[in-house]
Amino acid sequence: MNILKWITYSIVLIGALNWGLVGAFDFNLISFLFGEMSTFSRIIYTLVGLCAIGYLILSIKDNMECSHYNC
């Protein structure tokens, strides 16, 4: 797995853990650490969303290359 995919995966995982905390305990770690919808919180939420899209694209690309070479 290349470095870009690891970075996007890590950031998406952090976002998923935050949503898990919100769902299970009604506790938003990002808001707790950086403030309720502060500029920095919005940047983090946007970054998580962009990384999710990037990870999806990288995964599809890897899957297509793998199927081309019969991995």
N, C-alpha and C. Protein backbone atom coordinates (compact mmCIF):
# COMPACT_ATOMS: atom_id res chain seq x y z
N MET A 1 0.86 -1.17 0.00
CA MET A 1 0.00 0.00 0.00
C MET A 1 0.91 1.23 0.00
N ASN A 2 0.63 2.16 -0.89
CA ASN A 2 1.48 3.34 -0.96
C ASN A 2 1.18 4.33 0.16
N ILE A 3 2.04 5.30 0.32
CA ILE A 3 1.96 6.24 1.44
C ILE A 3 0.68 7.07 1.39
N LEU A 4 0.26 7.49 0.20
CA LEU A 4 -0.96 8.29 0.09
C LEU A 4 -2.18 7.50 0.55
N LYS A 5 -2.22 6.23 0.20
CA LYS A 5 -3.34 5.40 0.63
C LYS A 5 -3.32 5.20 2.15
N TRP A 6 -2.15 5.04 2.73
CA TRP A 6 -2.04 4.91 4.19
C TRP A 6 -2.51 6.18 4.90
N ILE A 7 -2.13 7.34 4.38
CA ILE A 7 -2.54 8.61 4.99
C ILE A 7 -4.05 8.77 4.92
N THR A 8 -4.62 8.53 3.72
CA THR A 8 -6.07 8.68 3.59
C THR A 8 -6.80 7.67 4.46
N TYR A 9 -6.29 6.44 4.53
CA TYR A 9 -6.92 5.42 5.37
C TYR A 9 -6.89 5.85 6.84
N SER A 10 -5.77 6.37 7.30
CA SER A 10 -5.64 6.79 8.70
C SER A 10 -6.61 7.91 9.04
N ILE A 11 -6.73 8.88 8.16
CA ILE A 11 -7.62 10.00 8.42
C ILE A 11 -9.08 9.56 8.38
N VAL A 12 -9.43 8.69 7.45
CA VAL A 12 -10.79 8.15 7.39
C VAL A 12 -11.09 7.34 8.64
N LEU A 13 -10.12 6.59 9.13
CA LEU A 13 -10.30 5.81 10.36
C LEU A 13 -10.55 6.72 11.56
N ILE A 14 -9.84 7.82 11.65
CA ILE A 14 -10.07 8.79 12.72
C ILE A 14 -11.49 9.34 12.64
N GLY A 15 -11.94 9.67 11.44
CA GLY A 15 -13.31 10.16 11.26
C GLY A 15 -14.34 9.12 11.64
N ALA A 16 -14.08 7.87 11.27
CA ALA A 16 -15.01 6.79 11.61
C ALA A 16 -15.08 6.58 13.12
N LEU A 17 -13.95 6.65 13.79
CA LEU A 17 -13.95 6.52 15.24
C LEU A 17 -14.72 7.66 15.90
N ASN A 18 -14.58 8.85 15.36
CA ASN A 18 -15.34 9.99 15.90
C ASN A 18 -16.84 9.76 15.74
N TRP A 19 -17.26 9.28 14.55
CA TRP A 19 -18.68 9.00 14.34
C TRP A 19 -19.17 7.87 15.24
N GLY A 20 -18.30 6.90 15.50
CA GLY A 20 -18.66 5.84 16.43
C GLY A 20 -18.90 6.37 17.83
N LEU A 21 -18.06 7.31 18.26
CA LEU A 21 -18.26 7.95 19.56
C LEU A 21 -19.55 8.75 19.60
N VAL A 22 -19.85 9.44 18.50
CA VAL A 22 -21.09 10.21 18.44
C VAL A 22 -22.30 9.28 18.53
N GLY A 23 -22.27 8.20 17.79
CA GLY A 23 -23.40 7.27 17.79
C GLY A 23 -23.57 6.53 19.10
N ALA A 24 -22.47 6.10 19.69
CA ALA A 24 -22.56 5.27 20.90
C ALA A 24 -22.75 6.09 22.18
N PHE A 25 -22.07 7.22 22.25
CA PHE A 25 -22.04 7.97 23.51
C PHE A 25 -22.48 9.42 23.39
N ASP A 26 -22.91 9.85 22.19
CA ASP A 26 -23.27 11.24 21.94
C ASP A 26 -22.12 12.17 22.35
N PHE A 27 -20.90 11.76 22.00
CA PHE A 27 -19.70 12.52 22.33
C PHE A 27 -18.91 12.77 21.06
N ASN A 28 -18.78 14.03 20.66
CA ASN A 28 -18.04 14.41 19.47
C ASN A 28 -16.64 14.85 19.89
N LEU A 29 -15.66 14.00 19.65
CA LEU A 29 -14.29 14.27 20.07
C LEU A 29 -13.71 15.50 19.37
N ILE A 30 -14.00 15.67 18.10
CA ILE A 30 -13.48 16.82 17.35
C ILE A 30 -14.02 18.12 17.94
N SER A 31 -15.30 18.17 18.22
CA SER A 31 -15.89 19.38 18.83
C SER A 31 -15.34 19.60 20.23
N PHE A 32 -15.12 18.51 20.96
CA PHE A 32 -14.57 18.62 22.31
C PHE A 32 -13.16 19.21 22.28
N LEU A 33 -12.35 18.75 21.33
CA LEU A 33 -10.96 19.21 21.27
C LEU A 33 -10.80 20.59 20.64
N PHE A 34 -11.59 20.90 19.61
CA PHE A 34 -11.34 22.10 18.83
C PHE A 34 -12.48 23.10 18.83
N GLY A 35 -13.57 22.81 19.52
CA GLY A 35 -14.68 23.75 19.58
C GLY A 35 -15.79 23.38 18.63
N GLU A 36 -17.00 23.75 19.03
CA GLU A 36 -18.20 23.44 18.25
C GLU A 36 -18.17 24.22 16.94
N MET A 37 -17.96 23.52 15.83
CA MET A 37 -17.93 24.07 14.47
C MET A 37 -17.01 25.28 14.34
N SER A 38 -15.85 25.20 14.99
CA SER A 38 -14.82 26.22 14.79
C SER A 38 -14.24 26.04 13.39
N THR A 39 -13.44 26.99 12.99
CA THR A 39 -12.82 26.90 11.67
C THR A 39 -11.96 25.64 11.57
N PHE A 40 -11.22 25.34 12.63
CA PHE A 40 -10.37 24.16 12.60
C PHE A 40 -11.19 22.87 12.55
N SER A 41 -12.30 22.83 13.26
CA SER A 41 -13.18 21.67 13.22
C SER A 41 -13.72 21.46 11.81
N ARG A 42 -14.12 22.52 11.17
CA ARG A 42 -14.62 22.43 9.80
C ARG A 42 -13.55 21.92 8.84
N ILE A 43 -12.31 22.37 9.06
CA ILE A 43 -11.20 21.89 8.23
C ILE A 43 -11.01 20.39 8.42
N ILE A 44 -11.09 19.93 9.65
CA ILE A 44 -10.92 18.50 9.93
C ILE A 44 -12.04 17.70 9.28
N TYR A 45 -13.29 18.15 9.43
CA TYR A 45 -14.42 17.44 8.82
C TYR A 45 -14.27 17.39 7.30
N THR A 46 -13.85 18.49 6.70
CA THR A 46 -13.65 18.54 5.25
C THR A 46 -12.52 17.62 4.83
N LEU A 47 -11.45 17.61 5.59
CA LEU A 47 -10.31 16.75 5.29
C LEU A 47 -10.71 15.27 5.37
N VAL A 48 -11.49 14.90 6.36
CA VAL A 48 -11.95 13.51 6.48
C VAL A 48 -12.81 13.13 5.27
N GLY A 49 -13.71 14.02 4.86
CA GLY A 49 -14.54 13.74 3.69
C GLY A 49 -13.73 13.61 2.42
N LEU A 50 -12.77 14.50 2.22
CA LEU A 50 -11.93 14.43 1.03
C LEU A 50 -11.07 13.17 1.03
N CYS A 51 -10.57 12.80 2.20
CA CYS A 51 -9.77 11.58 2.30
C CYS A 51 -10.62 10.34 2.03
N ALA A 52 -11.88 10.36 2.44
CA ALA A 52 -12.76 9.23 2.15
C ALA A 52 -12.94 9.08 0.64
N ILE A 53 -13.13 10.18 -0.06
CA ILE A 53 -13.27 10.14 -1.51
C ILE A 53 -11.96 9.67 -2.14
N GLY A 54 -10.84 10.22 -1.66
CA GLY A 54 -9.54 9.82 -2.18
C GLY A 54 -9.24 8.35 -1.95
N TYR A 55 -9.57 7.85 -0.76
CA TYR A 55 -9.34 6.44 -0.46
C TYR A 55 -10.19 5.55 -1.36
N LEU A 56 -11.42 5.95 -1.60
CA LEU A 56 -12.30 5.20 -2.50
C LEU A 56 -11.69 5.13 -3.90
N ILE A 57 -11.23 6.25 -4.40
CA ILE A 57 -10.64 6.30 -5.74
C ILE A 57 -9.38 5.44 -5.81
N LEU A 58 -8.52 5.56 -4.80
CA LEU A 58 -7.29 4.75 -4.78
C LEU A 58 -7.61 3.26 -4.68
N SER A 59 -8.62 2.90 -3.92
CA SER A 59 -8.99 1.49 -3.78
C SER A 59 -9.54 0.94 -5.10
N ILE A 60 -10.37 1.73 -5.77
CA ILE A 60 -10.90 1.29 -7.08
C ILE A 60 -9.77 1.13 -8.08
N LYS A 61 -8.84 2.09 -8.07
CA LYS A 61 -7.69 2.03 -8.97
C LYS A 61 -6.86 0.77 -8.71
N ASP A 62 -6.58 0.48 -7.44
CA ASP A 62 -5.83 -0.72 -7.08
C ASP A 62 -6.57 -1.98 -7.50
N ASN A 63 -7.87 -1.98 -7.30
CA ASN A 63 -8.68 -3.14 -7.67
C ASN A 63 -8.66 -3.37 -9.17
N MET A 64 -8.74 -2.29 -9.94
CA MET A 64 -8.72 -2.42 -11.39
C MET A 64 -7.35 -2.92 -11.87
N GLU A 65 -6.27 -2.42 -11.27
CA GLU A 65 -4.93 -2.88 -11.65
C GLU A 65 -4.75 -4.35 -11.28
N CYS A 66 -5.26 -4.72 -10.13
CA CYS A 66 -5.13 -6.11 -9.67
C CYS A 66 -5.90 -7.05 -10.58
N SER A 67 -7.10 -6.64 -10.98
CA SER A 67 -7.89 -7.52 -11.86
C SER A 67 -7.27 -7.60 -13.24
N HIS A 68 -6.57 -6.55 -13.63
CA HIS A 68 -5.88 -6.56 -14.94
C HIS A 68 -4.74 -7.57 -14.93
N TYR A 69 -4.06 -7.70 -13.80
CA TYR A 69 -2.93 -8.62 -13.68
C TYR A 69 -3.31 -9.94 -13.02
N ASN A 70 -4.61 -10.16 -12.80
CA ASN A 70 -5.12 -11.39 -12.16
C ASN A 70 -4.46 -11.66 -10.82
N CYS A 71 -4.49 -10.68 -9.93
CA CYS A 71 -3.90 -10.83 -8.59
C CYS A 71 -4.67 -11.82 -7.75
